[in-house]
Amino acid sequence: MRARILAARDALSPQARAEADRRIANYLAQLPEYQDARTLLITLNFGSEVSTGLIGEMALASGKTLLAPRVNSATKMLDLYEIRDLAADLASGLWGIPEPRPLACRPASADEIDWVLVPGIAFDRFGGRLGYGGGYYDRLLPLLPPGVPNAAAAYSLQLVDRVPHGRHDLRIKTLVTDTGPVPIEPESMVPG
């Protein structure tokens, strides 16, 4: 599934991707959970992922505090930093993913977060998420204060019938695609 979805995502034209990115950012910014949040944690995109630059710019322009993760290879965790300038505060990190520059950014903690944008390759209508296999977000999300809303941004081609789900895989609460928010069905509706 990873290979199939990544290939389809990579095949999107730059123009189609840019238009979809704009629509996704606007849909995300309309979510009540996003609007109510003061401190956001966003994933920083790489490759053919949905661009998170516009949502980051919108957050900063509206006075929100913006946090981003940096992979800590030693602990297998994500270290969090405040981003004030999406151009100056980031550098290419592990796997080519943009990451905060630790000397330029204030370290942050998970208890500051009141909304998080989670990455992934494929998603389903039950909140299932297929990530890249490192488990970084599955380890980070339980450290957030209880009830912190999370969301994922994806192109509609990333929505599948069913994502394989393990016992340590955490579900997303909101999915937004280029066609709009996708209603998440209750876990009790997840097919056997």
C-alpha atoms as a PDB file:
ATOM      1  CA  MET A   1       0.000   0.000   0.000  1.00  0.00           C
ATOM      2  CA  ARG A   2       2.823   2.420   0.847  1.00  0.00           C
ATOM      3  CA  ALA A   3       4.471   1.955  -2.559  1.00  0.00           C
ATOM      4  CA  ARG A   4       1.184   2.290  -4.456  1.00  0.00           C
ATOM      5  CA  ILE A   5       0.068   5.475  -2.682  1.00  0.00           C
ATOM      6  CA  LEU A   6       3.535   7.055  -2.845  1.00  0.00           C
ATOM      7  CA  ALA A   7       3.700   6.387  -6.602  1.00  0.00           C
ATOM      8  CA  ALA A   8       0.252   7.929  -7.142  1.00  0.00           C
ATOM      9  CA  ARG A   9       1.166  10.935  -4.990  1.00  0.00           C
ATOM     10  CA  ASP A  10       4.486  11.387  -6.834  1.00  0.00           C
ATOM     11  CA  ALA A  11       2.608  11.334 -10.160  1.00  0.00           C
ATOM     12  CA  LEU A  12       0.563  14.456  -9.342  1.00  0.00           C
ATOM     13  CA  SER A  13       1.634  17.420 -11.467  1.00  0.00           C
ATOM     14  CA  PRO A  14       3.182  20.384  -9.641  1.00  0.00           C
ATOM     15  CA  GLN A  15       0.191  22.509 -10.687  1.00  0.00           C
ATOM     16  CA  ALA A  16      -2.366  20.000  -9.360  1.00  0.00           C
ATOM     17  CA  ARG A  17      -0.392  19.627  -6.139  1.00  0.00           C
ATOM     18  CA  ALA A  18      -0.155  23.406  -5.605  1.00  0.00           C
ATOM     19  CA  GLU A  19      -3.902  23.895  -6.125  1.00  0.00           C
ATOM     20  CA  ALA A  20      -4.739  20.975  -3.829  1.00  0.00           C
ATOM     21  CA  ASP A  21      -2.303  22.295  -1.181  1.00  0.00           C
ATOM     22  CA  ARG A  22      -4.058  25.671  -1.208  1.00  0.00           C
ATOM     23  CA  ARG A  23      -7.497  24.062  -0.805  1.00  0.00           C
ATOM     24  CA  ILE A  24      -6.277  21.781   2.000  1.00  0.00           C
ATOM     25  CA  ALA A  25      -4.715  24.683   3.924  1.00  0.00           C
ATOM     26  CA  ASN A  26      -7.958  26.662   3.645  1.00  0.00           C
ATOM     27  CA  TYR A  27     -10.047  23.695   4.834  1.00  0.00           C
ATOM     28  CA  LEU A  28      -7.682  23.118   7.772  1.00  0.00           C
ATOM     29  CA  ALA A  29      -7.826  26.789   8.770  1.00  0.00           C
ATOM     30  CA  GLN A  30     -11.636  26.580   8.888  1.00  0.00           C
ATOM     31  CA  LEU A  31     -11.663  23.738  11.412  1.00  0.00           C
ATOM     32  CA  PRO A  32     -12.967  24.968  14.797  1.00  0.00           C
ATOM     33  CA  GLU A  33     -10.193  23.008  16.557  1.00  0.00           C
ATOM     34  CA  TYR A  34      -7.560  24.824  14.497  1.00  0.00           C
ATOM     35  CA  GLN A  35      -9.195  28.218  15.053  1.00  0.00           C
ATOM     36  CA  ASP A  36      -9.390  27.665  18.826  1.00  0.00           C
ATOM     37  CA  ALA A  37      -5.786  26.460  19.123  1.00  0.00           C
ATOM     38  CA  ARG A  38      -3.041  28.773  20.327  1.00  0.00           C
ATOM     39  CA  THR A  39      -0.056  26.446  19.892  1.00  0.00           C
ATOM     40  CA  LEU A  40       0.102  24.186  16.839  1.00  0.00           C
ATOM     41  CA  LEU A  41       2.486  21.370  16.036  1.00  0.00           C
ATOM     42  CA  ILE A  42       2.779  20.865  12.298  1.00  0.00           C
ATOM     43  CA  THR A  43       4.636  18.251  10.384  1.00  0.00           C
ATOM     44  CA  LEU A  44       7.034  19.753   7.860  1.00  0.00           C
ATOM     45  CA  ASN A  45       6.477  18.273   4.434  1.00  0.00           C
ATOM     46  CA  PHE A  46       9.010  16.685   2.118  1.00  0.00           C
ATOM     47  CA  GLY A  47       8.856  15.042  -1.277  1.00  0.00           C
ATOM     48  CA  SER A  48       5.351  14.883  -2.693  1.00  0.00           C
ATOM     49  CA  GLU A  49       3.601  15.302   0.674  1.00  0.00           C
ATOM     50  CA  VAL A  50       0.895  17.907   1.100  1.00  0.00           C
ATOM     51  CA  SER A  51       2.732  21.195   1.610  1.00  0.00           C
ATOM     52  CA  THR A  52       2.357  22.489   5.142  1.00  0.00           C
ATOM     53  CA  GLY A  53       4.055  25.804   4.401  1.00  0.00           C
ATOM     54  CA  LEU A  54       0.817  27.692   3.789  1.00  0.00           C
ATOM     55  CA  ILE A  55      -0.855  26.405   6.955  1.00  0.00           C
ATOM     56  CA  GLY A  56       2.287  27.385   8.872  1.00  0.00           C
ATOM     57  CA  GLU A  57       2.270  30.861   7.342  1.00  0.00           C
ATOM     58  CA  MET A  58      -1.428  31.258   8.143  1.00  0.00           C
ATOM     59  CA  ALA A  59      -0.822  30.212  11.749  1.00  0.00           C
ATOM     60  CA  LEU A  60       2.041  32.671  12.213  1.00  0.00           C
ATOM     61  CA  ALA A  61       0.103  35.486  10.533  1.00  0.00           C
ATOM     62  CA  SER A  62      -2.819  34.950  12.917  1.00  0.00           C
ATOM     63  CA  GLY A  63      -0.562  35.118  16.001  1.00  0.00           C
ATOM     64  CA  LYS A  64      -0.492  31.402  16.807  1.00  0.00           C
ATOM     65  CA  THR A  65       2.616  29.733  18.196  1.00  0.00           C
ATOM     66  CA  LEU A  66       4.008  27.267  15.677  1.00  0.00           C
ATOM     67  CA  LEU A  67       5.990  24.197  16.719  1.00  0.00           C
ATOM     68  CA  ALA A  68       7.747  21.672  14.488  1.00  0.00           C
ATOM     69  CA  PRO A  69       9.519  18.377  15.186  1.00  0.00           C
ATOM     70  CA  ARG A  70      13.148  17.382  14.817  1.00  0.00           C
ATOM     71  CA  VAL A  71      14.068  13.677  14.737  1.00  0.00           C
ATOM     72  CA  ASN A  72      16.247  12.613  17.645  1.00  0.00           C
ATOM     73  CA  SER A  73      17.946   9.451  16.344  1.00  0.00           C
ATOM     74  CA  ALA A  74      19.405   8.593  19.750  1.00  0.00           C
ATOM     75  CA  THR A  75      16.059   8.499  21.572  1.00  0.00           C
ATOM     76  CA  LYS A  76      13.874   7.573  18.555  1.00  0.00           C
ATOM     77  CA  MET A  77      11.644  10.485  19.555  1.00  0.00           C
ATOM     78  CA  LEU A  78      10.716  13.860  18.110  1.00  0.00           C
ATOM     79  CA  ASP A  79      12.202  16.923  19.790  1.00  0.00           C
ATOM     80  CA  LEU A  80       9.955  19.979  19.461  1.00  0.00           C
ATOM     81  CA  TYR A  81      10.955  23.553  18.645  1.00  0.00           C
ATOM     82  CA  GLU A  82       9.158  26.847  18.090  1.00  0.00           C
ATOM     83  CA  ILE A  83       9.299  28.168  14.529  1.00  0.00           C
ATOM     84  CA  ARG A  84       8.995  31.921  14.017  1.00  0.00           C
ATOM     85  CA  ASP A  85      10.224  32.103  10.422  1.00  0.00           C
ATOM     86  CA  LEU A  86       9.546  29.195   8.059  1.00  0.00           C
ATOM     87  CA  ALA A  87      12.527  30.122   5.867  1.00  0.00           C
ATOM     88  CA  ALA A  88      15.215  31.077   8.390  1.00  0.00           C
ATOM     89  CA  ASP A  89      14.403  28.600  11.169  1.00  0.00           C
ATOM     90  CA  LEU A  90      14.502  25.379   9.089  1.00  0.00           C
ATOM     91  CA  ALA A  91      17.225  23.217   7.575  1.00  0.00           C
ATOM     92  CA  SER A  92      17.300  19.860   5.809  1.00  0.00           C
ATOM     93  CA  GLY A  93      17.411  17.093   8.408  1.00  0.00           C
ATOM     94  CA  LEU A  94      17.218  13.332   8.581  1.00  0.00           C
ATOM     95  CA  TRP A  95      15.947  11.808   5.307  1.00  0.00           C
ATOM     96  CA  GLY A  96      15.884  15.319   3.785  1.00  0.00           C
ATOM     97  CA  ILE A  97      12.895  16.362   5.903  1.00  0.00           C
ATOM     98  CA  PRO A  98      12.940  20.059   6.859  1.00  0.00           C
ATOM     99  CA  GLU A  99      13.630  20.396  10.583  1.00  0.00           C
ATOM    100  CA  PRO A 100      14.026  23.264  13.042  1.00  0.00           C
ATOM    101  CA  ARG A 101      17.544  24.587  13.571  1.00  0.00           C
ATOM    102  CA  PRO A 102      18.132  23.816  17.273  1.00  0.00           C
ATOM    103  CA  LEU A 103      20.389  26.824  17.847  1.00  0.00           C
ATOM    104  CA  ALA A 104      17.924  29.224  16.217  1.00  0.00           C
ATOM    105  CA  CYS A 105      14.694  27.905  17.751  1.00  0.00           C
ATOM    106  CA  ARG A 106      13.304  27.718  21.267  1.00  0.00           C
ATOM    107  CA  PRO A 107      12.898  24.155  22.550  1.00  0.00           C
ATOM    108  CA  ALA A 108       9.265  23.333  23.295  1.00  0.00           C
ATOM    109  CA  SER A 109       7.420  20.597  25.143  1.00  0.00           C
ATOM    110  CA  ALA A 110       4.453  18.421  24.276  1.00  0.00           C
ATOM    111  CA  ASP A 111       2.310  19.956  27.025  1.00  0.00           C
ATOM    112  CA  GLU A 112       2.271  23.295  25.139  1.00  0.00           C
ATOM    113  CA  ILE A 113       0.436  21.809  22.141  1.00  0.00           C
ATOM    114  CA  ASP A 114      -3.288  22.229  21.661  1.00  0.00           C
ATOM    115  CA  TRP A 115      -3.565  21.068  18.013  1.00  0.00           C
ATOM    116  CA  VAL A 116      -1.343  18.781  15.941  1.00  0.00           C
ATOM    117  CA  LEU A 117      -1.049  18.074  12.217  1.00  0.00           C
ATOM    118  CA  VAL A 118       0.038  14.456  11.740  1.00  0.00           C
ATOM    119  CA  PRO A 119       1.786  13.117   8.601  1.00  0.00           C
ATOM    120  CA  GLY A 120       1.020   9.897   6.789  1.00  0.00           C
ATOM    121  CA  ILE A 121       0.923   8.038   3.507  1.00  0.00           C
ATOM    122  CA  ALA A 122      -2.589   6.567   3.557  1.00  0.00           C
ATOM    123  CA  PHE A 123      -5.696   7.137   5.650  1.00  0.00           C
ATOM    124  CA  ASP A 124      -9.126   5.585   6.041  1.00  0.00           C
ATOM    125  CA  ARG A 125     -12.557   6.816   7.200  1.00  0.00           C
ATOM    126  CA  PHE A 126     -12.078   5.175  10.610  1.00  0.00           C
ATOM    127  CA  GLY A 127      -9.094   7.338  11.581  1.00  0.00           C
ATOM    128  CA  GLY A 128      -6.578   4.735  10.456  1.00  0.00           C
ATOM    129  CA  ARG A 129      -3.224   6.125   9.416  1.00  0.00           C
ATOM    130  CA  LEU A 130      -0.383   4.445   7.572  1.00  0.00           C
ATOM    131  CA  GLY A 131       2.818   6.323   8.347  1.00  0.00           C
ATOM    132  CA  TYR A 132       6.353   5.856   7.145  1.00  0.00           C
ATOM    133  CA  GLY A 133       7.082   3.035   9.577  1.00  0.00           C
ATOM    134  CA  GLY A 134       9.271   4.806  12.144  1.00  0.00           C
ATOM    135  CA  GLY A 135       6.565   5.120  14.825  1.00  0.00           C
ATOM    136  CA  TYR A 136       7.644   8.648  15.767  1.00  0.00           C
ATOM    137  CA  TYR A 137       4.129  10.105  15.911  1.00  0.00           C
ATOM    138  CA  ASP A 138       2.726   6.979  17.579  1.00  0.00           C
ATOM    139  CA  ARG A 139       5.235   7.654  20.396  1.00  0.00           C
ATOM    140  CA  LEU A 140       4.656  11.429  20.456  1.00  0.00           C
ATOM    141  CA  LEU A 141       0.853  11.621  20.458  1.00  0.00           C
ATOM    142  CA  PRO A 142       0.376   9.880  23.847  1.00  0.00           C
ATOM    143  CA  LEU A 143       2.637  12.545  25.410  1.00  0.00           C
ATOM    144  CA  LEU A 144       0.219  15.342  24.485  1.00  0.00           C
ATOM    145  CA  PRO A 145      -2.274  16.642  27.029  1.00  0.00           C
ATOM    146  CA  PRO A 146      -5.496  14.582  27.030  1.00  0.00           C
ATOM    147  CA  GLY A 147      -8.015  15.612  24.400  1.00  0.00           C
ATOM    148  CA  VAL A 148      -5.618  17.519  22.124  1.00  0.00           C
ATOM    149  CA  PRO A 149      -7.164  17.416  18.650  1.00  0.00           C
ATOM    150  CA  ASN A 150      -5.116  15.993  15.820  1.00  0.00           C
ATOM    151  CA  ALA A 151      -5.644  16.186  12.087  1.00  0.00           C
ATOM    152  CA  ALA A 152      -4.042  14.858   8.938  1.00  0.00           C
ATOM    153  CA  ALA A 153      -3.806  16.562   5.567  1.00  0.00           C
ATOM    154  CA  ALA A 154      -3.835  14.377   2.464  1.00  0.00           C
ATOM    155  CA  TYR A 155      -4.635  14.361  -1.207  1.00  0.00           C
ATOM    156  CA  SER A 156      -7.900  12.530  -1.891  1.00  0.00           C
ATOM    157  CA  LEU A 157      -5.922   9.749  -3.613  1.00  0.00           C
ATOM    158  CA  GLN A 158      -4.444   8.904  -0.185  1.00  0.00           C
ATOM    159  CA  LEU A 159      -7.865   7.896   1.169  1.00  0.00           C
ATOM    160  CA  VAL A 160      -8.224   4.095   1.095  1.00  0.00           C
ATOM    161  CA  ASP A 161     -10.904   1.648   2.231  1.00  0.00           C
ATOM    162  CA  ARG A 162      -8.899   0.274   5.148  1.00  0.00           C
ATOM    163  CA  VAL A 163      -5.440   0.978   6.556  1.00  0.00           C
ATOM    164  CA  PRO A 164      -3.679  -1.930   8.305  1.00  0.00           C
ATOM    165  CA  HIS A 165      -3.830  -1.131  12.015  1.00  0.00           C
ATOM    166  CA  GLY A 166      -1.619  -2.460  14.816  1.00  0.00           C
ATOM    167  CA  ARG A 167      -2.264  -2.198  18.546  1.00  0.00           C
ATOM    168  CA  HIS A 168       0.262   0.666  18.941  1.00  0.00           C
ATOM    169  CA  ASP A 169      -1.051   2.661  15.972  1.00  0.00           C
ATOM    170  CA  LEU A 170      -2.982   5.729  17.078  1.00  0.00           C
ATOM    171  CA  ARG A 171      -5.975   6.980  15.134  1.00  0.00           C
ATOM    172  CA  ILE A 172      -6.420  10.453  13.734  1.00  0.00           C
ATOM    173  CA  LYS A 173      -9.462  12.466  14.745  1.00  0.00           C
ATOM    174  CA  THR A 174      -9.804  14.609  11.616  1.00  0.00           C
ATOM    175  CA  LEU A 175      -8.839  14.064   7.983  1.00  0.00           C
ATOM    176  CA  VAL A 176      -8.806  16.907   5.484  1.00  0.00           C
ATOM    177  CA  THR A 177      -8.288  16.331   1.772  1.00  0.00           C
ATOM    178  CA  ASP A 178      -8.362  18.590  -1.250  1.00  0.00           C
ATOM    179  CA  THR A 179     -12.097  17.831  -1.532  1.00  0.00           C
ATOM    180  CA  GLY A 180     -12.776  18.860   2.079  1.00  0.00           C
ATOM    181  CA  PRO A 181     -12.968  17.312   5.536  1.00  0.00           C
ATOM    182  CA  VAL A 182     -13.630  13.554   5.583  1.00  0.00           C
ATOM    183  CA  PRO A 183     -16.038  12.389   8.308  1.00  0.00           C
ATOM    184  CA  ILE A 184     -14.311   9.917  10.643  1.00  0.00           C
ATOM    185  CA  GLU A 185     -16.505   6.953  11.570  1.00  0.00           C
ATOM    186  CA  PRO A 186     -16.545   5.772  15.218  1.00  0.00           C
ATOM    187  CA  GLU A 187     -14.105   2.968  16.106  1.00  0.00           C
ATOM    188  CA  SER A 188     -17.085   0.715  16.766  1.00  0.00           C
ATOM    189  CA  MET A 189     -17.787   0.848  13.006  1.00  0.00           C
ATOM    190  CA  VAL A 190     -14.296  -0.410  12.042  1.00  0.00           C
ATOM    191  CA  PRO A 191     -14.690  -3.615  10.031  1.00  0.00           C
ATOM    192  CA  GLY A 192     -13.408  -6.758  11.834  1.00  0.00           C
END
